[in-house]
Structures are given as structure tokens and as C-alpha cells.
């Protein structure tokens, strides 16, 4: 499906602008009309999501929504909504609504919760700006803005651990920003262009372009928590609130994956990357990430830290799908973006519900918590089974296509690694659920009554748990169909 029909529209800019306006509106509402704060926050995420849904049919028909702003020369700001952009924007828009609703429940009646939304909405705006960008310069601006706005959310608890984790994230953000800037400068010097949609700007290899490629890997590898650039994430997730950790896992990490897809297919081009073999750098690092993240997860007693190291491994699958340079592998990578967001987002929300209701963050302290909170732990277990890759859950579909991509690339040994990682996932996730339900049966159910009192916390949890498998049970797997349409553009 060729995307050649250009539609000039301000809709992409409006989608990005609305959460920023809502953040300012939330500040004013808290000061003058506190009763309007929650509606403003919901409107700030729901309206962009609705706009994305409205332009979706036109984009899948082959139209590209485009906007050029003649500011910040020499390239200017460009918005370009192609089918890859609309797929990522739909995911970000949906999870923005879910996380905003959950956050309102998480911080209900807490005075310190007000400031959280002043940064949540700008992070969402930045993430949407990243995936709707039409050139690498515009992506750079939104990428840096998103990262800087997320820094206060890491340090939000104001504990010594949160401050240390926040500083670590801030310094890694600076490294990523400098690396991104130099990569962009080298690209522009070599090509005179930074736009997406041409199938690749680079035609001839040079040592300087290899430096640019490595700088791109560093930039997006930091955001995607790729080994060895991952070390900010476990501390950040352990120190941050559960809504912030879920925001990073479901949305922000994926901007790193998105950025690498753009670099591989729109900056360097698939044929050029295959010819010079630079993809093998990412291939090796992705395999290391899968194994390292899975092994380190075993050693973590803090639930959020275990989820963080698991995230290192899970993002490794996405990077693997990009690096194999085959259509089936990219299908697996993009489907894993969606599957991981449902699975890991659900787990972090469950961790938040457990913490709010019991104060427990250590896995060793959660014996019998399934008897106290059966709905929460059932949702967690569903997400855990999905993470392992058992059919009919989303991650199985992703790993299936990654396996097909490995055969396409004539690397069947990778399938053995995928099986090993699934075994490791089961080994560090299933004991949590078994211990929660069977570890202590004498505890009373504290959830039955609170389910009615805390719908803003529980409904998002249940939605994400159902999302972990509902698409594979439908007559037509809509996300998989959309992902295949995306991949057709590049292959």
C-alpha cells in the first residue's frame, strides 16, 4: 500500500498542543476551580486520542497528513502522519487515557498528587510529537522535551533514592541529547536533508556516518534501556510512583524503538544498512539485552525493579526485530510494542494498587496478597502469562513472528534464545502469582469493598489485562493487520 496522497493539515500539531494546554489548564484549575482539574486532565488526553481515531481511516487508505512550519531553520518543523505514525499514535493515545484515569485514582485525595499531572501531560505531548514528526530535527525537539518533562516524575517522591534516580536519569538524558545532536548534524552535513518518507537518505558509507549511526544507537538505546545503556531504568522505576513507571514502560520506552525504526528505514535505508552490516551492532546488543535482563530479574526482590529488568529483556525483542532486517521480524517487533504496553502496563498498575492498599513493594512480603486482592493478582497473573509468550496472548504472536523473521534471516539459533527467554520469564514471574495465591490463605479479602470505592484504579487494570489477549481471540486481529500494513511500506 503506497502512501503518496499528501493532505496538508494542522491536525497533527493540534494533537500535540492539546495536552500542553491541558497542563496549563490543570494548574489554573487547581488554583481557582479545583473541581475542574480532573475533567481538564481527561480532556487533555481524550481529545488527542479522538483526533487520532478520526484521521486513522484516511491514513490507512494511503493518505499522509503533513504540516510544515517555517521556523527553526534550516530544516523547519515538520509533522508527517503516515501509517507507522498512526499506529504508534493510536497506542500512545489509548494508553494516555488509561494512565490518566488510573493516576487520578492513584492520587485521589492526595495533595501532593496535583503536581504530577503538570508533568504527565507534557510527557504525553512530547511522546505524541515524537511519533508524529516529519523529520529527525522535529523528532529531536520533542524527544528532548519529553525526556526533560519525565525527569521530575522520577524524583517525584522526593526521597534520597528518588533524587539519586532522578539525577541518573537526567545525566543519561543529557548524554542522549548530545549524542542525538551530533548524529543529526552529521546526517545533515552528509545529505542536506533530515526528512522522513524517502526510504533512506544515505547512499555511500563513511567513517563519519558510522559515528552518526552509533550516536543514534546511543540516543535511542538509552531511552529503550538497551544494555549497556539500561542502568537508569531499574533505579528510576523503583523510586518513581507506579503511574510514572507505567508511563515510561507503556509509552516513553517505545519512542526509543520508534526512533530506531526511523533511523534504519528513513535515515539510512534498509538496503544501505544491509550492505554495510551495521545492523549487526544492534543485533548483538539486543540479544545481550534479552539474556541480561532476564537473568538480572531473578535477583530482584523489589517488584518494580524486577519489572524493570524484565523490561530490558522485553525491549530487547523489539530491537531484535528491527536488527534482523526482515519483514516478519519487523512485524514481530511492532506487534511486541503493543503487546508489551498492555502486559507491562498492567503489571505496573497492579504493583501500584498493591502498594496503595497494603504498602508492600517487596515480592517476599506478598505472600497471600492474592487472597486479599484476587482481582488485582488475577490481572497480574494474566499479564505474567502473556509475558512468557503462551498462546493466545499477544506476546506469543510477537515471538512467533520474530521466530519467522529469524528463519528469514537464516539465523535459526535465535529461536532457541527466544525459547530460553520464555522459560526465564516463567521462572521469575510465576512464583510471584503462586506465592500470592497459595502462600497464605488466612488473609481476608480487602478488595471486594474497595473495588466499588476505587474504580479509577481498578478499571484501567482490568482493561489492560483483557487487552493482553482479546485481540488474538477476535475473528480479525486488528493490530496485527495494521502492523502488516506498516511493514509493507518498508519492504
Protein backbone atom coordinates (compact mmCIF):
# COMPACT_ATOMS: atom_id res chain seq x y z
CA UNK A 1 0.00 0.00 0.00
CA UNK A 2 1.76 3.14 -1.22
CA UNK A 3 1.32 6.35 0.76
CA UNK A 4 1.55 9.07 -1.85
CA UNK A 5 -1.50 11.28 -1.23
CA UNK A 6 -0.37 14.26 0.85
CA UNK A 7 -3.04 16.03 2.91
CA UNK A 8 -1.96 19.37 4.36
CA UNK A 9 -3.50 19.63 7.81
CA UNK A 10 -2.96 21.30 11.19
CA UNK A 11 -4.46 18.29 12.99
CA UNK A 12 -1.06 16.76 13.92
CA UNK A 13 0.01 20.00 15.60
CA UNK A 14 -3.31 20.25 17.43
CA UNK A 15 -2.91 16.68 18.72
CA UNK A 16 0.43 17.64 20.28
CA UNK A 17 -0.72 21.04 21.51
CA UNK A 18 -3.82 19.95 23.43
CA UNK A 19 -2.04 18.10 26.28
CA UNK A 20 0.20 21.14 26.78
CA UNK A 21 -2.82 23.44 27.00
CA UNK A 22 -4.45 20.95 29.37
CA UNK A 23 -1.36 21.00 31.63
CA UNK A 24 -1.66 24.78 31.92
CA UNK A 25 -5.41 24.39 32.43
CA UNK A 26 -4.84 21.89 35.23
CA UNK A 27 -2.57 24.38 37.01
CA UNK A 28 -5.18 27.12 36.75
CA UNK A 29 -7.96 24.78 37.81
CA UNK A 30 -6.05 23.71 40.91
CA UNK A 31 -5.65 27.35 41.85
CA UNK A 32 -9.10 28.71 41.05
CA UNK A 33 -11.53 25.83 40.39
CA UNK A 34 -10.26 22.53 41.86
CA UNK A 35 -13.44 20.74 40.82
CA UNK A 36 -12.49 21.27 37.15
CA UNK A 37 -8.98 19.80 37.40
CA UNK A 38 -9.95 16.17 36.70
CA UNK A 39 -12.15 16.99 33.68
CA UNK A 40 -9.33 19.13 32.25
CA UNK A 41 -6.83 16.28 32.64
CA UNK A 42 -9.17 13.77 30.98
CA UNK A 43 -9.94 16.20 28.15
CA UNK A 44 -6.21 16.74 27.66
CA UNK A 45 -5.70 13.07 26.78
CA UNK A 46 -9.12 12.10 25.38
CA UNK A 47 -9.36 14.82 22.71
CA UNK A 48 -5.99 13.96 21.08
CA UNK A 49 -6.97 10.27 21.11
CA UNK A 50 -10.27 11.08 19.40
CA UNK A 51 -8.48 13.19 16.77
CA UNK A 52 -6.09 10.31 16.08
CA UNK A 53 -9.07 7.98 15.64
CA UNK A 54 -10.69 10.46 13.25
CA UNK A 55 -7.70 10.65 10.89
CA UNK A 56 -6.94 6.90 11.14
CA UNK A 57 -9.25 5.77 8.27
CA UNK A 58 -7.71 8.27 5.85
CA UNK A 59 -4.16 7.27 6.76
CA UNK A 60 -4.78 3.54 6.28
CA UNK A 61 -6.27 4.39 2.85
CA UNK A 62 -2.90 5.77 1.86
CA UNK A 63 -3.11 9.45 2.76
CA UNK A 64 -0.32 11.21 4.66
CA UNK A 65 -1.24 14.15 6.88
CA UNK A 66 1.50 16.76 6.57
CA UNK A 67 2.29 20.13 8.09
CA UNK A 68 5.40 22.27 7.62
CA UNK A 69 6.19 25.17 9.93
CA UNK A 70 8.84 27.50 8.54
CA UNK A 71 10.54 28.07 11.87
CA UNK A 72 13.86 26.96 13.37
CA UNK A 73 15.90 26.88 10.13
CA UNK A 74 17.46 25.29 8.20
CA UNK A 75 15.06 22.35 8.26
CA UNK A 76 11.96 23.79 9.91
CA UNK A 77 9.43 21.78 11.92
CA UNK A 78 7.59 19.05 10.05
CA UNK A 79 4.68 16.87 11.07
CA UNK A 80 4.06 13.76 8.99
CA UNK A 81 1.41 11.19 9.86
CA UNK A 82 1.99 8.02 7.87
CA UNK A 83 0.78 4.55 8.77
CA UNK A 84 3.68 3.90 11.18
CA UNK A 85 2.93 7.19 12.92
CA UNK A 86 -0.79 6.45 13.20
CA UNK A 87 -0.11 3.00 14.69
CA UNK A 88 2.17 4.42 17.38
CA UNK A 89 -0.08 7.42 17.97
CA UNK A 90 -3.13 5.17 18.48
CA UNK A 91 -1.21 3.20 21.09
CA UNK A 92 0.08 6.31 22.84
CA UNK A 93 -3.33 7.96 22.75
CA UNK A 94 -5.09 4.93 24.20
CA UNK A 95 -2.55 4.37 26.96
CA UNK A 96 -2.53 8.08 27.77
CA UNK A 97 -6.24 7.90 28.56
CA UNK A 98 -5.85 4.71 30.60
CA UNK A 99 -2.90 6.05 32.59
CA UNK A 100 -4.53 9.43 33.19
CA UNK A 101 -7.64 7.76 34.62
CA UNK A 102 -5.52 5.45 36.77
CA UNK A 103 -3.37 8.35 38.01
CA UNK A 104 -6.45 10.29 39.07
CA UNK A 105 -7.45 7.28 41.18
CA UNK A 106 -3.92 6.69 42.46
CA UNK A 107 -3.53 10.28 43.71
CA UNK A 108 -7.15 10.68 44.81
CA UNK A 109 -7.42 12.97 47.86
CA UNK A 110 -3.63 13.40 47.94
CA UNK A 111 -2.46 17.00 47.94
CA UNK A 112 0.96 16.03 46.59
CA UNK A 113 -0.70 14.43 43.56
CA UNK A 114 -1.58 17.75 41.96
CA UNK A 115 1.86 18.49 40.55
CA UNK A 116 2.09 15.03 38.95
CA UNK A 117 -0.35 15.99 36.20
CA UNK A 118 1.59 19.17 35.38
CA UNK A 119 4.33 16.89 34.05
CA UNK A 120 2.30 13.85 32.95
CA UNK A 121 0.52 15.82 30.22
CA UNK A 122 3.69 17.39 28.75
CA UNK A 123 5.37 13.96 28.64
CA UNK A 124 2.38 12.67 26.67
CA UNK A 125 2.54 15.69 24.36
CA UNK A 126 6.23 15.06 23.76
CA UNK A 127 5.70 11.37 23.03
CA UNK A 128 2.93 12.16 20.54
CA UNK A 129 5.17 14.78 18.95
CA UNK A 130 7.93 12.18 18.52
CA UNK A 131 5.74 9.76 16.57
CA UNK A 132 4.05 12.49 14.50
CA UNK A 133 7.33 14.14 13.48
CA UNK A 134 8.12 14.54 9.80
CA UNK A 135 11.88 14.91 10.10
CA UNK A 136 14.63 13.97 12.52
CA UNK A 137 15.01 17.57 13.75
CA UNK A 138 11.37 17.79 14.86
CA UNK A 139 11.73 14.36 16.46
CA UNK A 140 14.82 15.66 18.30
CA UNK A 141 12.91 18.61 19.75
CA UNK A 142 10.01 16.54 21.04
CA UNK A 143 12.27 13.72 22.21
CA UNK A 144 14.30 16.08 24.39
CA UNK A 145 11.21 17.87 25.67
CA UNK A 146 9.59 14.57 26.65
CA UNK A 147 12.72 13.41 28.46
CA UNK A 148 13.12 16.65 30.43
CA UNK A 149 9.47 16.59 31.48
CA UNK A 150 9.79 13.00 32.70
CA UNK A 151 12.75 13.83 34.97
CA UNK A 152 10.55 15.40 37.72
CA UNK A 153 8.31 12.31 37.68
CA UNK A 154 11.31 10.11 38.53
CA UNK A 155 12.22 12.31 41.51
CA UNK A 156 8.58 12.92 42.43
CA UNK A 157 8.60 11.11 45.80
CA UNK A 158 11.41 13.43 46.97
CA UNK A 159 13.19 10.63 48.83
CA UNK A 160 17.01 10.30 48.66
CA UNK A 161 16.55 7.27 46.39
CA UNK A 162 14.20 9.23 44.12
CA UNK A 163 16.61 12.16 43.92
CA UNK A 164 19.52 9.84 43.06
CA UNK A 165 17.45 8.03 40.42
CA UNK A 166 16.28 11.36 39.02
CA UNK A 167 19.83 12.66 38.69
CA UNK A 168 20.92 9.43 37.00
CA UNK A 169 18.05 9.76 34.51
CA UNK A 170 18.86 13.45 33.97
CA UNK A 171 22.53 12.77 33.18
CA UNK A 172 21.59 9.96 30.80
CA UNK A 173 19.15 12.36 29.13
CA UNK A 174 21.98 14.86 28.62
CA UNK A 175 24.18 12.14 27.09
CA UNK A 176 21.34 11.09 24.80
CA UNK A 177 20.69 14.70 23.78
CA UNK A 178 24.31 15.44 22.92
CA UNK A 179 24.61 12.16 21.02
CA UNK A 180 21.39 12.87 19.13
CA UNK A 181 22.57 16.37 18.22
CA UNK A 182 25.86 15.16 16.74
CA UNK A 183 24.16 12.36 14.83
CA UNK A 184 21.72 14.87 13.37
CA UNK A 185 24.47 17.34 12.42
CA UNK A 186 26.48 14.62 10.66
CA UNK A 187 23.38 13.41 8.82
CA UNK A 188 22.50 16.91 7.63
CA UNK A 189 26.11 17.64 6.59
CA UNK A 190 26.23 14.43 4.55
CA UNK A 191 22.80 14.64 2.92
CA UNK A 192 21.43 18.17 3.26
CA UNK A 193 18.11 16.66 4.36
CA UNK A 194 16.53 15.26 7.53
CA UNK A 195 13.06 14.36 6.25
CA UNK A 196 11.28 11.02 6.59
CA UNK A 197 9.46 9.15 3.86
CA UNK A 198 12.14 8.83 1.17
CA UNK A 199 13.23 5.30 2.08
CA UNK A 200 16.70 6.40 3.15
CA UNK A 201 18.92 9.46 2.77
CA UNK A 202 22.35 7.77 2.83
CA UNK A 203 23.90 6.22 -0.27
CA UNK A 204 27.64 5.97 0.49
CA UNK A 205 29.29 4.72 3.67
CA UNK A 206 31.95 6.72 5.51
CA UNK A 207 33.58 6.61 8.97
CA UNK A 208 31.71 9.78 9.92
CA UNK A 209 28.36 8.22 9.03
CA UNK A 210 29.26 5.20 11.15
CA UNK A 211 29.81 7.63 14.03
CA UNK A 212 26.35 9.08 13.34
CA UNK A 213 24.81 5.61 13.32
CA UNK A 214 26.44 4.77 16.67
CA UNK A 215 25.25 8.10 18.09
CA UNK A 216 21.69 7.25 17.03
CA UNK A 217 22.06 3.86 18.73
CA UNK A 218 23.25 5.54 21.91
CA UNK A 219 20.41 8.09 21.85
CA UNK A 220 17.53 5.71 21.29
CA UNK A 221 19.27 2.86 23.12
CA UNK A 222 19.28 4.94 26.31
CA UNK A 223 15.57 5.63 26.01
CA UNK A 224 14.80 1.99 25.17
CA UNK A 225 17.01 0.79 28.08
CA UNK A 226 19.24 -1.27 25.80
CA UNK A 227 22.20 -2.95 27.50
CA UNK A 228 24.68 -1.41 28.37
CA UNK A 229 22.70 1.86 28.46
CA UNK A 230 19.93 0.50 30.66
CA UNK A 231 21.17 1.25 34.15
CA UNK A 232 18.98 4.31 34.71
CA UNK A 233 15.77 2.28 34.46
CA UNK A 234 15.78 -0.11 37.47
CA UNK A 235 16.53 2.72 39.90
CA UNK A 236 14.04 5.04 38.22
CA UNK A 237 11.21 2.51 38.29
CA UNK A 238 11.91 1.52 41.90
CA UNK A 239 12.00 5.15 43.04
CA UNK A 240 9.14 6.55 40.94
CA UNK A 241 5.42 6.18 41.54
CA UNK A 242 3.68 3.33 39.74
CA UNK A 243 1.86 5.68 37.30
CA UNK A 244 5.22 7.18 36.28
CA UNK A 245 6.79 3.74 35.83
CA UNK A 246 3.80 2.62 33.76
CA UNK A 247 4.01 5.80 31.67
CA UNK A 248 7.66 5.10 30.89
CA UNK A 249 7.11 1.41 30.15
CA UNK A 250 3.98 1.74 28.01
CA UNK A 251 4.86 4.94 26.15
CA UNK A 252 8.28 6.51 26.67
CA UNK A 253 10.39 3.38 26.08
CA UNK A 254 8.58 2.90 22.78
CA UNK A 255 9.81 6.27 21.49
CA UNK A 256 13.30 4.76 21.54
CA UNK A 257 12.10 1.82 19.46
CA UNK A 258 10.24 4.15 17.11
CA UNK A 259 13.34 6.31 16.71
CA UNK A 260 15.46 3.32 15.70
CA UNK A 261 12.86 2.24 13.13
CA UNK A 262 13.03 5.73 11.60
CA UNK A 263 16.83 5.65 11.62
CA UNK A 264 17.00 2.23 9.97
CA UNK A 265 14.30 2.78 7.35
CA UNK A 266 14.06 6.55 6.77
CA UNK A 267 17.53 7.92 7.50
CA UNK A 268 19.95 5.19 6.40
CA UNK A 269 17.60 2.97 4.41
CA UNK A 270 17.19 -0.79 4.55
CA UNK A 271 19.37 -1.63 1.53
CA UNK A 272 22.24 0.55 2.77
CA UNK A 273 22.12 -0.92 6.30
CA UNK A 274 22.09 -4.45 4.87
CA UNK A 275 25.02 -3.68 2.59
CA UNK A 276 27.31 -2.24 5.29
CA UNK A 277 26.14 -4.65 8.02
CA UNK A 278 25.82 -2.04 10.77
CA UNK A 279 22.61 -3.72 11.92
CA UNK A 280 24.76 -6.43 13.48
CA UNK A 281 25.76 -3.99 16.22
CA UNK A 282 22.12 -3.71 17.27
CA UNK A 283 21.60 -7.44 16.78
CA UNK A 284 24.32 -8.34 19.28
CA UNK A 285 23.17 -5.74 21.81
CA UNK A 286 19.55 -6.88 21.54
CA UNK A 287 20.48 -10.50 22.24
CA UNK A 288 22.59 -9.43 25.22
CA UNK A 289 19.67 -7.33 26.49
CA UNK A 290 17.28 -10.28 26.30
CA UNK A 291 19.55 -12.56 28.32
CA UNK A 292 20.95 -9.97 30.73
CA UNK A 293 17.56 -8.50 31.60
CA UNK A 294 16.02 -11.93 32.19
CA UNK A 295 18.89 -13.11 34.41
CA UNK A 296 19.03 -9.90 36.47
CA UNK A 297 15.28 -10.02 37.07
CA UNK A 298 15.78 -13.15 39.19
CA UNK A 299 17.87 -11.27 41.75
CA UNK A 300 15.31 -8.53 42.42
CA UNK A 301 13.03 -8.63 45.47
CA UNK A 302 11.57 -5.18 44.77
CA UNK A 303 8.65 -5.78 42.40
CA UNK A 304 9.23 -2.64 40.32
CA UNK A 305 12.92 -3.46 39.90
CA UNK A 306 12.04 -6.97 38.72
CA UNK A 307 9.59 -5.47 36.26
CA UNK A 308 12.27 -3.01 35.13
CA UNK A 309 14.86 -5.69 34.37
CA UNK A 310 12.18 -7.73 32.65
CA UNK A 311 11.51 -4.63 30.56
CA UNK A 312 15.16 -4.58 29.48
CA UNK A 313 14.68 -8.10 28.11
CA UNK A 314 11.30 -7.34 26.54
CA UNK A 315 12.57 -4.28 24.69
CA UNK A 316 15.42 -6.50 23.50
CA UNK A 317 12.83 -8.45 21.49
CA UNK A 318 11.75 -5.25 19.73
CA UNK A 319 15.34 -4.27 18.95
CA UNK A 320 15.98 -7.80 17.69
CA UNK A 321 13.05 -7.47 15.28
CA UNK A 322 14.50 -4.23 13.91
CA UNK A 323 18.04 -5.57 13.57
CA UNK A 324 17.16 -8.74 11.64
CA UNK A 325 16.11 -6.62 8.61
CA UNK A 326 13.29 -8.99 7.59
CA UNK A 327 9.61 -8.25 7.18
CA UNK A 328 8.40 -10.93 9.60
CA UNK A 329 10.85 -9.79 12.28
CA UNK A 330 9.65 -6.20 11.99
CA UNK A 331 6.05 -7.43 12.28
CA UNK A 332 7.08 -9.17 15.49
CA UNK A 333 8.84 -6.06 16.79
CA UNK A 334 5.91 -3.73 16.12
CA UNK A 335 3.36 -6.17 17.49
CA UNK A 336 5.54 -6.57 20.57
CA UNK A 337 5.36 -2.80 21.07
CA UNK A 338 1.62 -3.17 21.54
CA UNK A 339 1.75 -6.45 23.47
CA UNK A 340 4.39 -5.19 25.88
CA UNK A 341 2.46 -2.00 26.56
CA UNK A 342 -0.62 -3.97 27.64
CA UNK A 343 1.34 -6.58 29.56
CA UNK A 344 3.87 -4.42 31.40
CA UNK A 345 1.48 -1.52 31.81
CA UNK A 346 -0.94 -3.88 33.56
CA UNK A 347 1.81 -5.18 35.85
CA UNK A 348 2.90 -1.71 36.95
CA UNK A 349 -0.68 -0.67 37.60
CA UNK A 350 -1.17 -3.82 39.69
CA UNK A 351 2.01 -3.01 41.62
CA UNK A 352 0.59 0.43 42.33
CA UNK A 353 -2.74 -0.95 43.56
CA UNK A 354 -0.93 -3.40 45.85
CA UNK A 355 1.25 -0.62 47.25
CA UNK A 356 -1.65 1.77 47.87
CA UNK A 357 -3.72 -0.89 49.62
CA UNK A 358 -1.05 -2.80 51.54
CA UNK A 359 2.13 -0.69 51.46
CA UNK A 360 4.08 -3.69 50.11
CA UNK A 361 6.73 -3.35 47.42
CA UNK A 362 8.89 -6.42 48.17
CA UNK A 363 7.98 -9.70 46.48
CA UNK A 364 8.97 -11.60 49.62
CA UNK A 365 6.28 -9.69 51.54
CA UNK A 366 3.47 -10.52 49.12
CA UNK A 367 2.63 -13.99 50.41
CA UNK A 368 -1.14 -14.29 50.40
CA UNK A 369 -1.77 -10.93 48.77
CA UNK A 370 -3.80 -12.79 46.14
CA UNK A 371 -6.30 -13.73 48.84
CA UNK A 372 -6.54 -10.09 49.89
CA UNK A 373 -6.73 -8.70 46.36
CA UNK A 374 -7.82 -11.50 44.00
CA UNK A 375 -8.86 -9.27 41.09
CA UNK A 376 -5.57 -7.37 41.10
CA UNK A 377 -3.47 -10.51 41.31
CA UNK A 378 -5.55 -12.27 38.65
CA UNK A 379 -4.83 -9.35 36.33
CA UNK A 380 -1.14 -9.55 37.22
CA UNK A 381 -1.13 -13.29 36.51
CA UNK A 382 -2.77 -12.78 33.11
CA UNK A 383 -0.07 -10.25 32.25
CA UNK A 384 2.63 -12.64 33.50
CA UNK A 385 1.35 -15.48 31.31
CA UNK A 386 1.34 -13.07 28.36
CA UNK A 387 4.97 -12.12 29.10
CA UNK A 388 6.01 -15.77 28.86
CA UNK A 389 4.57 -15.96 25.34
CA UNK A 390 1.92 -18.64 25.80
CA UNK A 391 -0.91 -18.65 23.23
CA UNK A 392 -3.36 -16.99 22.84
CA UNK A 393 -1.67 -13.97 24.41
CA UNK A 394 -0.17 -11.04 22.49
CA UNK A 395 3.47 -11.79 23.22
CA UNK A 396 3.10 -15.26 21.66
CA UNK A 397 2.11 -13.63 18.36
CA UNK A 398 5.10 -11.29 18.58
CA UNK A 399 7.58 -14.09 19.35
CA UNK A 400 6.08 -16.26 16.59
CA UNK A 401 6.84 -13.58 14.01
CA UNK A 402 10.28 -12.96 15.49
CA UNK A 403 10.95 -16.67 15.04
CA UNK A 404 9.76 -16.50 11.42
CA UNK A 405 11.99 -13.46 10.95
CA UNK A 406 14.97 -15.38 12.32
CA UNK A 407 14.34 -18.13 9.75
CA UNK A 408 14.05 -15.46 7.05
CA UNK A 409 17.41 -14.07 8.12
CA UNK A 410 18.90 -17.59 8.20
CA UNK A 411 19.58 -17.36 11.94
CA UNK A 412 17.53 -20.22 13.42
CA UNK A 413 19.72 -20.27 16.55
CA UNK A 414 17.85 -17.15 17.68
CA UNK A 415 14.70 -19.26 18.09
CA UNK A 416 16.50 -21.20 20.82
CA UNK A 417 17.24 -17.93 22.58
CA UNK A 418 13.58 -16.93 22.37
CA UNK A 419 12.57 -20.24 23.95
CA UNK A 420 15.18 -19.83 26.70
CA UNK A 421 13.99 -16.32 27.47
CA UNK A 422 10.39 -17.57 27.73
CA UNK A 423 11.49 -20.18 30.28
CA UNK A 424 13.31 -17.48 32.26
CA UNK A 425 10.20 -15.26 32.14
CA UNK A 426 8.11 -18.05 33.59
CA UNK A 427 10.73 -18.76 36.27
CA UNK A 428 10.71 -15.22 37.69
CA UNK A 429 7.04 -14.32 37.14
CA UNK A 430 5.03 -17.42 38.03
CA UNK A 431 6.38 -17.78 41.59
CA UNK A 432 5.02 -14.28 42.35
CA UNK A 433 1.47 -15.37 41.50
CA UNK A 434 1.81 -18.80 43.10
CA UNK A 435 3.07 -17.25 46.34
CA UNK A 436 0.38 -14.58 46.24
CA UNK A 437 -2.47 -17.07 45.98
CA UNK A 438 -1.09 -20.07 47.89
CA UNK A 439 1.44 -18.58 50.27
CA UNK A 440 -1.03 -17.64 52.99
CA UNK A 441 -4.71 -18.47 52.75
CA UNK A 442 -5.78 -16.99 56.08
CA UNK A 443 -5.78 -13.37 54.90
CA UNK A 444 -9.17 -11.76 54.30
CA UNK A 445 -10.33 -10.21 51.06
CA UNK A 446 -9.89 -6.43 51.39
CA UNK A 447 -10.67 -5.77 47.74
CA UNK A 448 -14.38 -6.57 47.48
CA UNK A 449 -15.40 -3.38 49.23
CA UNK A 450 -12.63 -1.25 47.73
CA UNK A 451 -13.46 -2.26 44.17
CA UNK A 452 -16.58 -0.13 44.48
CA UNK A 453 -14.63 2.69 46.12
CA UNK A 454 -11.66 2.72 43.72
CA UNK A 455 -12.98 2.26 40.18
CA UNK A 456 -10.44 4.72 38.76
CA UNK A 457 -7.66 2.38 39.89
CA UNK A 458 -9.24 -0.96 39.10
CA UNK A 459 -10.95 -0.37 35.76
CA UNK A 460 -7.67 0.52 33.96
CA UNK A 461 -6.07 -2.61 35.46
CA UNK A 462 -8.84 -4.83 34.14
CA UNK A 463 -8.84 -3.16 30.71
CA UNK A 464 -5.11 -3.79 30.25
CA UNK A 465 -5.42 -7.39 31.48
CA UNK A 466 -8.16 -8.08 28.91
CA UNK A 467 -6.09 -6.30 26.24
CA UNK A 468 -3.31 -8.83 26.79
CA UNK A 469 -5.30 -11.48 24.90
CA UNK A 470 -8.54 -10.10 23.45
CA UNK A 471 -7.11 -9.24 20.01
CA UNK A 472 -5.88 -12.77 19.36
CA UNK A 473 -9.35 -14.18 20.13
CA UNK A 474 -11.14 -11.84 17.72
CA UNK A 475 -12.07 -13.08 14.22
CA UNK A 476 -9.66 -10.49 12.81
CA UNK A 477 -6.58 -9.46 14.77
CA UNK A 478 -6.85 -5.74 14.07
CA UNK A 479 -3.44 -4.66 15.48
CA UNK A 480 -1.69 -7.45 13.56
CA UNK A 481 -3.42 -6.38 10.34
CA UNK A 482 -2.33 -2.80 10.91
CA UNK A 483 1.24 -3.84 11.72
CA UNK A 484 1.47 -5.84 8.49
CA UNK A 485 0.28 -2.79 6.57
CA UNK A 486 3.03 -0.74 8.23
CA UNK A 487 5.70 -3.28 7.31
CA UNK A 488 4.55 -3.34 3.67
CA UNK A 489 5.65 0.29 3.40
CA UNK A 490 9.23 -0.62 4.27
CA UNK A 491 9.63 -3.96 2.44
